[in-house]
Amino acid sequence: MPFKSQAQRRKFAQLLVEGKISAETFEEWNRETGARKLPEHAARKTARTRKRVPRKRKNAARSRKTKRTRRK
């Protein structure tokens, strides 16, 4: 999997120095990234907005019937 940003590349290099990841892992990611110019930080994903579903009114039909019966 290639790096998404320069910050991620630096973080992986730091983890490599600390011994938390292997050199093979770092080299694999670096190889897949290639010589691409990466942004300093990756952009955040935008959250999907939910479609609003209109609510059905149950009480509206019920209240009309009661008003008609009261008038009679």
C-alpha atoms as a PDB file:
ATOM      1  CA  MET A   1       0.000   0.000   0.000  1.00  0.00           C
ATOM      2  CA  PRO A   2       1.562   3.329  -0.982  1.00  0.00           C
ATOM      3  CA  PHE A   3       2.026   6.299   1.328  1.00  0.00           C
ATOM      4  CA  LYS A   4      -0.708   8.925   1.203  1.00  0.00           C
ATOM      5  CA  SER A   5       1.305  11.866   2.531  1.00  0.00           C
ATOM      6  CA  GLN A   6       4.755  13.060   3.535  1.00  0.00           C
ATOM      7  CA  ALA A   7       3.656  13.027   7.173  1.00  0.00           C
ATOM      8  CA  GLN A   8       2.792   9.320   6.893  1.00  0.00           C
ATOM      9  CA  ARG A   9       6.158   8.591   5.283  1.00  0.00           C
ATOM     10  CA  ARG A  10       7.958  10.370   8.163  1.00  0.00           C
ATOM     11  CA  LYS A  11       5.891   8.480  10.739  1.00  0.00           C
ATOM     12  CA  PHE A  12       6.798   5.135   9.165  1.00  0.00           C
ATOM     13  CA  ALA A  13      10.469   6.139   9.107  1.00  0.00           C
ATOM     14  CA  GLN A  14      10.233   6.943  12.812  1.00  0.00           C
ATOM     15  CA  LEU A  15       8.593   3.568  13.513  1.00  0.00           C
ATOM     16  CA  LEU A  16      11.373   1.879  11.539  1.00  0.00           C
ATOM     17  CA  VAL A  17      14.059   3.586  13.646  1.00  0.00           C
ATOM     18  CA  GLU A  18      12.224   2.584  16.849  1.00  0.00           C
ATOM     19  CA  GLY A  19      12.034  -1.011  15.610  1.00  0.00           C
ATOM     20  CA  LYS A  20       8.224  -1.180  15.623  1.00  0.00           C
ATOM     21  CA  ILE A  21       8.030  -2.117  11.919  1.00  0.00           C
ATOM     22  CA  SER A  22      10.385  -4.114   9.755  1.00  0.00           C
ATOM     23  CA  ALA A  23      12.642  -2.675   7.088  1.00  0.00           C
ATOM     24  CA  GLU A  24      10.871  -4.872   4.506  1.00  0.00           C
ATOM     25  CA  THR A  25       7.523  -3.258   5.317  1.00  0.00           C
ATOM     26  CA  PHE A  26       8.931   0.252   4.971  1.00  0.00           C
ATOM     27  CA  GLU A  27      10.689  -0.589   1.712  1.00  0.00           C
ATOM     28  CA  GLU A  28       7.549  -2.199   0.283  1.00  0.00           C
ATOM     29  CA  TRP A  29       5.466   0.911   0.991  1.00  0.00           C
ATOM     30  CA  ASN A  30       8.237   3.167  -0.309  1.00  0.00           C
ATOM     31  CA  ARG A  31       8.584   1.125  -3.511  1.00  0.00           C
ATOM     32  CA  GLU A  32       4.834   1.220  -4.191  1.00  0.00           C
ATOM     33  CA  THR A  33       4.745   4.989  -3.660  1.00  0.00           C
ATOM     34  CA  GLY A  34       7.567   5.573  -6.114  1.00  0.00           C
ATOM     35  CA  ALA A  35       8.812   9.080  -6.848  1.00  0.00           C
ATOM     36  CA  ARG A  36       5.352  10.641  -6.607  1.00  0.00           C
ATOM     37  CA  LYS A  37       5.086  14.105  -5.121  1.00  0.00           C
ATOM     38  CA  LEU A  38       2.960  13.633  -2.014  1.00  0.00           C
ATOM     39  CA  PRO A  39       1.009  16.304  -0.136  1.00  0.00           C
ATOM     40  CA  GLU A  40       2.230  17.265   3.327  1.00  0.00           C
ATOM     41  CA  HIS A  41      -0.971  15.947   4.905  1.00  0.00           C
ATOM     42  CA  ALA A  42      -3.719  13.795   3.402  1.00  0.00           C
ATOM     43  CA  ALA A  43      -7.134  15.381   3.002  1.00  0.00           C
ATOM     44  CA  ARG A  44      -9.870  14.182   5.319  1.00  0.00           C
ATOM     45  CA  LYS A  45     -12.726  12.206   3.852  1.00  0.00           C
ATOM     46  CA  THR A  46     -16.016  14.047   3.767  1.00  0.00           C
ATOM     47  CA  ALA A  47     -18.836  12.537   5.766  1.00  0.00           C
ATOM     48  CA  ARG A  48     -21.828  11.329   3.832  1.00  0.00           C
ATOM     49  CA  THR A  49     -25.070  13.129   4.505  1.00  0.00           C
ATOM     50  CA  ARG A  50     -28.150  11.075   5.080  1.00  0.00           C
ATOM     51  CA  LYS A  51     -31.272  11.624   3.056  1.00  0.00           C
ATOM     52  CA  ARG A  52     -34.122  12.837   5.196  1.00  0.00           C
ATOM     53  CA  VAL A  53     -37.161  10.655   5.078  1.00  0.00           C
ATOM     54  CA  PRO A  54     -40.388  12.596   5.667  1.00  0.00           C
ATOM     55  CA  ARG A  55     -42.294  11.399   8.691  1.00  0.00           C
ATOM     56  CA  LYS A  56     -45.822  10.160   8.321  1.00  0.00           C
ATOM     57  CA  ARG A  57     -48.312  11.881  10.544  1.00  0.00           C
ATOM     58  CA  LYS A  58     -50.501   9.413  12.310  1.00  0.00           C
ATOM     59  CA  ASN A  59     -52.273  11.878  14.575  1.00  0.00           C
ATOM     60  CA  ALA A  60     -53.404  14.228  11.794  1.00  0.00           C
ATOM     61  CA  ALA A  61     -55.867  11.731  10.318  1.00  0.00           C
ATOM     62  CA  ARG A  62     -57.045  10.690  13.763  1.00  0.00           C
ATOM     63  CA  SER A  63     -57.711  14.262  14.898  1.00  0.00           C
ATOM     64  CA  ARG A  64     -59.819  15.044  11.795  1.00  0.00           C
ATOM     65  CA  LYS A  65     -62.140  12.139  12.485  1.00  0.00           C
ATOM     66  CA  THR A  66     -62.671  13.153  16.082  1.00  0.00           C
ATOM     67  CA  LYS A  67     -63.496  16.737  15.089  1.00  0.00           C
ATOM     68  CA  ARG A  68     -66.116  15.580  12.568  1.00  0.00           C
ATOM     69  CA  THR A  69     -67.810  13.315  15.062  1.00  0.00           C
ATOM     70  CA  ARG A  70     -67.935  16.061  17.670  1.00  0.00           C
ATOM     71  CA  ARG A  71     -69.679  18.472  15.280  1.00  0.00           C
ATOM     72  CA  LYS A  72     -72.526  16.073  14.549  1.00  0.00           C
END
